[in-house]
Amino acid sequence: MAKRDSRAKQASEPAPVADVPYYRALFGALGWGVVAFALQVVFGGTGGATGLLIQVGWILIAAVLAAWPTWYAARRRGWPELWKLFLLAAPAFWVLRAVTLILDRLLFH
């Protein structure tokens, strides 16, 4: 009976935090930045070189901010693989990208 109790105790302990560096999460989020840039060039009216440069800045801001929750979640789950970080960063990146598009419209148009 003691063995069964020790197994239950081990299962309830939190998993150790994995060593996932922040820059890996940033690379995962920057992958979505490349996708957002390509979509901006193909479908968006860039407004010339200045408008495109402003959009690149907004995309970088969204990627850097999206990397933080991605990094935090990846450490908890133990996911150091880049493709998992890329998929994990998607929701945070696209929400932040929508916010940056709204801010761009409010500030520059």
C-alpha atoms as a PDB file:
ATOM      1  CA  MET A   1       0.000   0.000   0.000  1.00  0.00           C
ATOM      2  CA  ALA A   2       2.895   2.354   0.649  1.00  0.00           C
ATOM      3  CA  LYS A   3       4.077   2.016  -2.939  1.00  0.00           C
ATOM      4  CA  ARG A   4       0.720   3.132  -4.248  1.00  0.00           C
ATOM      5  CA  ASP A   5       0.734   6.226  -2.032  1.00  0.00           C
ATOM      6  CA  SER A   6       4.239   7.188  -3.143  1.00  0.00           C
ATOM      7  CA  ARG A   7       3.202   6.987  -6.804  1.00  0.00           C
ATOM      8  CA  ALA A   8       0.196   9.199  -6.193  1.00  0.00           C
ATOM      9  CA  LYS A   9       2.398  11.708  -4.410  1.00  0.00           C
ATOM     10  CA  GLN A  10       4.883  11.741  -7.298  1.00  0.00           C
ATOM     11  CA  ALA A  11       2.109  12.286  -9.850  1.00  0.00           C
ATOM     12  CA  SER A  12       0.747  15.286  -7.977  1.00  0.00           C
ATOM     13  CA  GLU A  13       4.102  17.092  -7.861  1.00  0.00           C
ATOM     14  CA  PRO A  14       4.489  19.793 -10.528  1.00  0.00           C
ATOM     15  CA  ALA A  15       6.683  19.016 -13.476  1.00  0.00           C
ATOM     16  CA  PRO A  16      10.108  20.644 -13.430  1.00  0.00           C
ATOM     17  CA  VAL A  17      10.513  23.768 -15.525  1.00  0.00           C
ATOM     18  CA  ALA A  18      12.298  23.046 -18.803  1.00  0.00           C
ATOM     19  CA  ASP A  19      15.270  25.113 -19.893  1.00  0.00           C
ATOM     20  CA  VAL A  20      13.827  26.940 -22.899  1.00  0.00           C
ATOM     21  CA  PRO A  21      15.695  30.155 -23.701  1.00  0.00           C
ATOM     22  CA  TYR A  22      13.672  33.263 -24.517  1.00  0.00           C
ATOM     23  CA  TYR A  23      15.300  33.674 -27.923  1.00  0.00           C
ATOM     24  CA  ARG A  24      13.832  30.349 -29.082  1.00  0.00           C
ATOM     25  CA  ALA A  25      10.350  31.579 -28.219  1.00  0.00           C
ATOM     26  CA  LEU A  26      11.191  34.828 -30.014  1.00  0.00           C
ATOM     27  CA  PHE A  27      12.175  32.877 -33.141  1.00  0.00           C
ATOM     28  CA  GLY A  28       8.846  31.033 -32.980  1.00  0.00           C
ATOM     29  CA  ALA A  29       6.955  34.327 -32.798  1.00  0.00           C
ATOM     30  CA  LEU A  30       9.116  35.886 -35.526  1.00  0.00           C
ATOM     31  CA  GLY A  31       8.033  33.065 -37.830  1.00  0.00           C
ATOM     32  CA  TRP A  32       4.527  34.503 -37.609  1.00  0.00           C
ATOM     33  CA  GLY A  33       6.056  37.936 -38.163  1.00  0.00           C
ATOM     34  CA  VAL A  34       7.353  36.757 -41.522  1.00  0.00           C
ATOM     35  CA  VAL A  35       3.876  35.465 -42.395  1.00  0.00           C
ATOM     36  CA  ALA A  36       2.304  38.773 -41.325  1.00  0.00           C
ATOM     37  CA  PHE A  37       4.840  40.735 -43.388  1.00  0.00           C
ATOM     38  CA  ALA A  38       4.137  38.636 -46.469  1.00  0.00           C
ATOM     39  CA  LEU A  39       0.395  39.145 -46.010  1.00  0.00           C
ATOM     40  CA  GLN A  40       0.943  42.883 -45.581  1.00  0.00           C
ATOM     41  CA  VAL A  41       2.929  43.113 -48.807  1.00  0.00           C
ATOM     42  CA  VAL A  42       0.524  40.960 -50.823  1.00  0.00           C
ATOM     43  CA  PHE A  43      -2.845  42.190 -49.545  1.00  0.00           C
ATOM     44  CA  GLY A  44      -2.302  45.400 -47.617  1.00  0.00           C
ATOM     45  CA  GLY A  45      -1.913  48.857 -48.986  1.00  0.00           C
ATOM     46  CA  THR A  46       1.516  49.645 -47.606  1.00  0.00           C
ATOM     47  CA  GLY A  47       1.474  53.353 -48.355  1.00  0.00           C
ATOM     48  CA  GLY A  48       4.961  53.323 -49.798  1.00  0.00           C
ATOM     49  CA  ALA A  49       8.286  52.641 -48.152  1.00  0.00           C
ATOM     50  CA  THR A  50       7.476  54.631 -45.021  1.00  0.00           C
ATOM     51  CA  GLY A  51       4.200  52.809 -44.462  1.00  0.00           C
ATOM     52  CA  LEU A  52       5.895  49.452 -44.952  1.00  0.00           C
ATOM     53  CA  LEU A  53       8.620  50.394 -42.466  1.00  0.00           C
ATOM     54  CA  ILE A  54       5.994  51.372 -39.903  1.00  0.00           C
ATOM     55  CA  GLN A  55       4.243  48.023 -40.424  1.00  0.00           C
ATOM     56  CA  VAL A  56       7.538  46.178 -39.917  1.00  0.00           C
ATOM     57  CA  GLY A  57       7.912  48.016 -36.624  1.00  0.00           C
ATOM     58  CA  TRP A  58       4.421  47.022 -35.506  1.00  0.00           C
ATOM     59  CA  ILE A  59       5.087  43.408 -36.513  1.00  0.00           C
ATOM     60  CA  LEU A  60       8.316  43.369 -34.496  1.00  0.00           C
ATOM     61  CA  ILE A  61       6.514  44.790 -31.465  1.00  0.00           C
ATOM     62  CA  ALA A  62       3.837  42.095 -31.759  1.00  0.00           C
ATOM     63  CA  ALA A  63       6.472  39.353 -32.116  1.00  0.00           C
ATOM     64  CA  VAL A  64       8.522  40.486 -29.118  1.00  0.00           C
ATOM     65  CA  LEU A  65       5.435  40.768 -26.934  1.00  0.00           C
ATOM     66  CA  ALA A  66       4.028  37.427 -28.129  1.00  0.00           C
ATOM     67  CA  ALA A  67       7.308  35.679 -27.343  1.00  0.00           C
ATOM     68  CA  TRP A  68       6.894  36.280 -23.612  1.00  0.00           C
ATOM     69  CA  PRO A  69       3.754  34.156 -23.007  1.00  0.00           C
ATOM     70  CA  THR A  70       5.095  31.640 -25.530  1.00  0.00           C
ATOM     71  CA  TRP A  71       8.318  31.337 -23.569  1.00  0.00           C
ATOM     72  CA  TYR A  72       6.453  31.011 -20.281  1.00  0.00           C
ATOM     73  CA  ALA A  73       4.136  28.276 -21.590  1.00  0.00           C
ATOM     74  CA  ALA A  74       6.966  26.407 -23.322  1.00  0.00           C
ATOM     75  CA  ARG A  75       8.975  26.295 -20.107  1.00  0.00           C
ATOM     76  CA  ARG A  76       5.995  24.890 -18.212  1.00  0.00           C
ATOM     77  CA  ARG A  77       5.276  22.258 -20.870  1.00  0.00           C
ATOM     78  CA  GLY A  78       8.899  21.430 -21.627  1.00  0.00           C
ATOM     79  CA  TRP A  79       8.687  22.242 -25.336  1.00  0.00           C
ATOM     80  CA  PRO A  80      12.066  23.416 -26.636  1.00  0.00           C
ATOM     81  CA  GLU A  81      11.311  22.382 -30.241  1.00  0.00           C
ATOM     82  CA  LEU A  82      11.023  25.342 -32.599  1.00  0.00           C
ATOM     83  CA  TRP A  83       8.001  24.036 -34.517  1.00  0.00           C
ATOM     84  CA  LYS A  84       6.064  23.671 -31.257  1.00  0.00           C
ATOM     85  CA  LEU A  85       7.054  27.194 -30.252  1.00  0.00           C
ATOM     86  CA  PHE A  86       5.898  28.435 -33.670  1.00  0.00           C
ATOM     87  CA  LEU A  87       2.462  26.885 -33.161  1.00  0.00           C
ATOM     88  CA  LEU A  88       2.287  27.966 -29.526  1.00  0.00           C
ATOM     89  CA  ALA A  89       3.041  31.592 -30.453  1.00  0.00           C
ATOM     90  CA  ALA A  90       0.216  31.843 -32.995  1.00  0.00           C
ATOM     91  CA  PRO A  91      -2.681  32.947 -30.759  1.00  0.00           C
ATOM     92  CA  ALA A  92      -0.695  35.547 -28.848  1.00  0.00           C
ATOM     93  CA  PHE A  93       0.952  36.907 -31.996  1.00  0.00           C
ATOM     94  CA  TRP A  94      -2.261  37.301 -33.986  1.00  0.00           C
ATOM     95  CA  VAL A  95      -4.133  38.930 -31.113  1.00  0.00           C
ATOM     96  CA  LEU A  96      -1.273  41.380 -30.649  1.00  0.00           C
ATOM     97  CA  ARG A  97      -1.059  41.938 -34.397  1.00  0.00           C
ATOM     98  CA  ALA A  98      -4.750  42.865 -34.442  1.00  0.00           C
ATOM     99  CA  VAL A  99      -4.131  45.301 -31.586  1.00  0.00           C
ATOM    100  CA  THR A 100      -1.181  46.854 -33.440  1.00  0.00           C
ATOM    101  CA  LEU A 101      -3.278  47.227 -36.605  1.00  0.00           C
ATOM    102  CA  ILE A 102      -5.944  49.041 -34.580  1.00  0.00           C
ATOM    103  CA  LEU A 103      -3.300  51.274 -32.988  1.00  0.00           C
ATOM    104  CA  ASP A 104      -1.817  51.998 -36.399  1.00  0.00           C
ATOM    105  CA  ARG A 105      -5.206  53.081 -37.734  1.00  0.00           C
ATOM    106  CA  LEU A 106      -5.861  55.275 -34.697  1.00  0.00           C
ATOM    107  CA  LEU A 107      -2.427  56.906 -34.634  1.00  0.00           C
ATOM    108  CA  PHE A 108      -1.449  57.257 -38.286  1.00  0.00           C
ATOM    109  CA  HIS A 109      -4.683  57.494 -40.279  1.00  0.00           C
END
